[in-house]
Amino acid sequence: MRDLDETDMEILQLLLSDARRPYSDIADTVGLSAPAVSDRVARLREAGVINRFTLDIDRSQLRTGIPVLVTVETAASDPAALRDALLGTDAVEHVFTTSEADIVVFARVPDNDIAGWLADRVDTEAIADFEVELLAGAEWSPDLGGTEFALSCAQCGNTVDSEGTAARIDGSLYQFCCPSCEARFAEKYDELQQGAD
């Protein structure tokens, strides 16, 4: 197991700015060969640091709609179902969950009847209250500033350093800070798997 280093962070930043950037261009920037960059990206994907490559589409160019920020106070103890329902709505571009379990949605709604729009798309029993702000614009600027150069243990959350371990369990790769965390995680995973069967 190796720690993330500054080259990994530089590769991530370059991919954030353009996920289709050729590995040869990245290699020229970070001072590695293209196969070495490919290997690092593959390891970052396997470690779960990179989940997927995606597009950042300017939806304002594709459809009309009023850009709004809607803060929804949930009535349910678990806001996951409401969050998922909102995320599945065509007009919604981003969904955030606050530490108070409120859901903040950036959407481009077809008209100014937000209450009607919500009622048509989600179970209104799950909504205690909501507030709407009209947006003049929205920008997205991903950055890795302030990110630490380390992975977290799947069992305890501690930093995984060079003494850490990795294990593939049911096809997924997990990182651990020590062999005892790996053993506890595997044991717990087996118990849950047996309970599900």
Protein backbone atom coordinates (compact mmCIF):
# COMPACT_ATOMS: atom_id res chain seq x y z
CA MET A 1 0.00 0.00 0.00
CA ARG A 2 1.29 3.46 -0.85
CA ASP A 3 0.22 6.91 0.26
CA LEU A 4 -1.24 9.39 -2.15
CA ASP A 5 1.46 11.84 -3.15
CA GLU A 6 1.63 15.24 -4.81
CA THR A 7 1.80 13.65 -8.27
CA ASP A 8 -1.47 11.79 -7.58
CA MET A 9 -3.06 15.06 -6.47
CA GLU A 10 -1.77 16.85 -9.58
CA ILE A 11 -3.18 14.09 -11.80
CA LEU A 12 -6.54 14.37 -10.02
CA GLN A 13 -6.60 18.16 -10.48
CA LEU A 14 -5.82 17.80 -14.20
CA LEU A 15 -8.60 15.23 -14.59
CA LEU A 16 -11.02 17.51 -12.72
CA SER A 17 -10.41 20.25 -15.24
CA ASP A 18 -10.80 17.85 -18.20
CA ALA A 19 -11.61 14.17 -17.62
CA ARG A 20 -10.91 13.43 -21.31
CA ARG A 21 -7.37 14.81 -21.18
CA PRO A 22 -5.02 12.29 -22.83
CA TYR A 23 -2.63 10.51 -20.48
CA SER A 24 0.25 11.71 -22.68
CA ASP A 25 -0.70 15.36 -21.92
CA ILE A 26 -0.94 14.59 -18.21
CA ALA A 27 2.40 12.78 -18.37
CA ASP A 28 4.08 15.84 -19.90
CA THR A 29 2.71 18.05 -17.12
CA VAL A 30 3.59 15.80 -14.16
CA GLY A 31 6.89 14.46 -15.49
CA LEU A 32 5.92 10.80 -15.89
CA SER A 33 5.39 8.50 -18.86
CA ALA A 34 1.87 7.95 -20.20
CA PRO A 35 1.85 4.30 -18.99
CA ALA A 36 2.88 5.47 -15.50
CA VAL A 37 -0.02 7.96 -15.48
CA SER A 38 -2.37 5.21 -16.67
CA ASP A 39 -1.15 2.97 -13.85
CA ARG A 40 -1.68 5.70 -11.24
CA VAL A 41 -5.20 6.46 -12.54
CA ALA A 42 -6.02 2.73 -12.45
CA ARG A 43 -4.81 2.53 -8.82
CA LEU A 44 -6.80 5.64 -7.88
CA ARG A 45 -9.92 4.08 -9.41
CA GLU A 46 -9.30 0.76 -7.67
CA ALA A 47 -8.77 2.54 -4.33
CA GLY A 48 -12.09 4.35 -4.78
CA VAL A 49 -10.58 7.83 -5.01
CA ILE A 50 -11.88 8.13 -8.59
CA ASN A 51 -15.41 6.77 -8.87
CA ARG A 52 -16.25 7.64 -12.46
CA PHE A 53 -15.51 10.01 -15.30
CA THR A 54 -18.39 12.28 -16.21
CA LEU A 55 -19.49 15.36 -18.15
CA ASP A 56 -20.17 18.81 -16.76
CA ILE A 57 -23.02 20.02 -18.97
CA ASP A 58 -24.22 23.62 -19.00
CA ARG A 59 -27.92 22.81 -18.87
CA SER A 60 -28.83 26.45 -19.44
CA GLN A 61 -27.74 25.88 -23.04
CA LEU A 62 -30.07 22.89 -23.42
CA ARG A 63 -33.30 23.85 -21.74
CA THR A 64 -35.23 26.73 -20.38
CA GLY A 65 -36.26 27.01 -16.80
CA ILE A 66 -35.96 29.26 -13.82
CA PRO A 67 -32.77 28.58 -11.82
CA VAL A 68 -33.66 28.21 -8.14
CA LEU A 69 -32.13 27.03 -4.91
CA VAL A 70 -34.71 25.14 -2.84
CA THR A 71 -34.03 24.30 0.81
CA VAL A 72 -36.34 21.54 1.98
CA GLU A 73 -36.88 20.82 5.67
CA THR A 74 -37.69 17.13 5.83
CA ALA A 75 -40.51 15.74 7.94
CA ALA A 76 -39.12 12.19 7.85
CA SER A 77 -36.32 10.98 10.13
CA ASP A 78 -34.43 9.58 7.12
CA PRO A 79 -34.24 12.07 4.24
CA ALA A 80 -32.70 9.52 1.83
CA ALA A 81 -35.94 8.68 -0.01
CA LEU A 82 -36.81 12.35 -0.51
CA ARG A 83 -33.25 13.15 -1.60
CA ASP A 84 -33.30 10.26 -4.10
CA ALA A 85 -36.70 11.33 -5.46
CA LEU A 86 -35.47 14.88 -5.98
CA LEU A 87 -32.23 13.69 -7.55
CA GLY A 88 -34.23 11.62 -10.03
CA THR A 89 -36.15 14.70 -11.21
CA ASP A 90 -35.10 16.03 -14.62
CA ALA A 91 -34.99 19.68 -13.52
CA VAL A 92 -32.64 18.98 -10.58
CA GLU A 93 -28.91 19.44 -11.21
CA HIS A 94 -27.43 19.19 -7.68
CA VAL A 95 -28.68 17.88 -4.33
CA PHE A 96 -26.96 18.50 -0.99
CA THR A 97 -27.88 17.20 2.48
CA THR A 98 -27.04 19.47 5.42
CA SER A 99 -25.97 18.35 8.89
CA GLU A 100 -29.51 19.25 10.08
CA ALA A 101 -30.90 16.75 7.50
CA ASP A 102 -32.27 19.55 5.32
CA ILE A 103 -32.00 19.02 1.58
CA VAL A 104 -30.73 21.82 -0.66
CA VAL A 105 -31.54 21.48 -4.36
CA PHE A 106 -30.31 23.44 -7.35
CA ALA A 107 -32.88 23.07 -10.12
CA ARG A 108 -34.19 24.72 -13.26
CA VAL A 109 -37.95 24.62 -12.79
CA PRO A 110 -40.41 25.19 -15.65
CA ASP A 111 -42.38 27.95 -13.87
CA ASN A 112 -42.56 29.84 -10.59
CA ASP A 113 -44.99 27.39 -8.89
CA ILE A 114 -42.39 25.58 -6.76
CA ALA A 115 -44.99 24.11 -4.41
CA GLY A 116 -46.84 22.56 -7.35
CA TRP A 117 -43.60 21.37 -8.91
CA LEU A 118 -42.59 19.64 -5.65
CA ALA A 119 -46.06 18.11 -5.18
CA ASP A 120 -45.91 16.58 -8.67
CA ARG A 121 -42.55 14.94 -8.05
CA VAL A 122 -42.22 13.89 -4.41
CA ASP A 123 -44.30 12.74 -1.46
CA THR A 124 -45.27 16.04 0.17
CA GLU A 125 -45.78 14.22 3.49
CA ALA A 126 -41.96 14.01 3.68
CA ILE A 127 -41.66 17.83 3.48
CA ALA A 128 -42.13 19.89 6.65
CA ASP A 129 -41.32 23.21 4.98
CA PHE A 130 -39.29 24.70 2.13
CA GLU A 131 -37.69 27.97 1.10
CA VAL A 132 -36.90 29.13 -2.43
CA GLU A 133 -34.25 31.52 -3.68
CA LEU A 134 -34.13 32.72 -7.26
CA LEU A 135 -30.59 32.44 -8.64
CA ALA A 136 -28.95 34.90 -11.00
CA GLY A 137 -26.41 32.23 -12.00
CA ALA A 138 -24.56 29.12 -10.90
CA GLU A 139 -20.94 28.10 -11.35
CA TRP A 140 -19.18 24.86 -10.47
CA SER A 141 -15.46 24.94 -9.82
CA PRO A 142 -14.08 21.64 -8.49
CA ASP A 143 -10.77 21.92 -6.68
CA LEU A 144 -8.64 19.69 -4.49
CA GLY A 145 -7.32 22.53 -2.34
CA GLY A 146 -6.85 21.48 1.29
CA THR A 147 -7.16 17.78 0.49
CA GLU A 148 -4.94 15.47 2.49
CA PHE A 149 -2.67 12.99 0.75
CA ALA A 150 -4.02 9.86 2.41
CA LEU A 151 -6.72 7.22 2.23
CA SER A 152 -9.03 6.42 5.14
CA CYS A 153 -9.40 3.03 6.82
CA ALA A 154 -12.67 1.33 5.85
CA GLN A 155 -13.07 0.03 9.43
CA CYS A 156 -12.07 2.86 11.79
CA GLY A 157 -11.58 5.90 9.52
CA ASN A 158 -7.96 6.47 10.55
CA THR A 159 -5.37 7.47 7.96
CA VAL A 160 -3.90 4.59 5.97
CA ASP A 161 -0.13 4.95 5.74
CA SER A 162 2.62 2.79 4.26
CA GLU A 163 2.03 0.15 6.97
CA GLY A 164 -1.62 -0.22 5.96
CA THR A 165 -3.17 -3.13 4.14
CA ALA A 166 -5.66 -3.57 1.33
CA ALA A 167 -8.10 -6.40 0.71
CA ARG A 168 -10.51 -7.25 -2.07
CA ILE A 169 -13.83 -8.37 -0.58
CA ASP A 170 -16.65 -9.38 -2.90
CA GLY A 171 -14.97 -7.62 -5.81
CA SER A 172 -14.42 -4.27 -4.04
CA LEU A 173 -11.05 -3.03 -2.81
CA TYR A 174 -10.93 -1.75 0.78
CA GLN A 175 -8.05 0.04 2.52
CA PHE A 176 -7.16 -0.55 6.20
CA CYS A 177 -4.74 1.16 8.59
CA CYS A 178 -3.68 -2.16 10.18
CA PRO A 179 -4.23 -5.93 9.90
CA SER A 180 -6.57 -5.96 12.94
CA CYS A 181 -8.94 -3.46 11.27
CA GLU A 182 -8.87 -5.62 8.14
CA ALA A 183 -9.74 -8.73 10.20
CA ARG A 184 -12.58 -6.94 12.08
CA PHE A 185 -14.00 -5.58 8.81
CA ALA A 186 -13.88 -9.01 7.11
CA GLU A 187 -15.51 -10.65 10.13
CA LYS A 188 -18.29 -8.05 10.27
CA TYR A 189 -18.78 -8.31 6.48
CA ASP A 190 -19.13 -12.11 6.74
CA GLU A 191 -21.66 -11.79 9.59
CA LEU A 192 -23.76 -9.32 7.60
CA GLN A 193 -23.52 -11.49 4.48
CA GLN A 194 -24.69 -14.58 6.40
CA GLY A 195 -27.55 -12.58 7.94
CA ALA A 196 -28.66 -11.46 4.47
CA ASP A 197 -28.77 -15.05 3.19
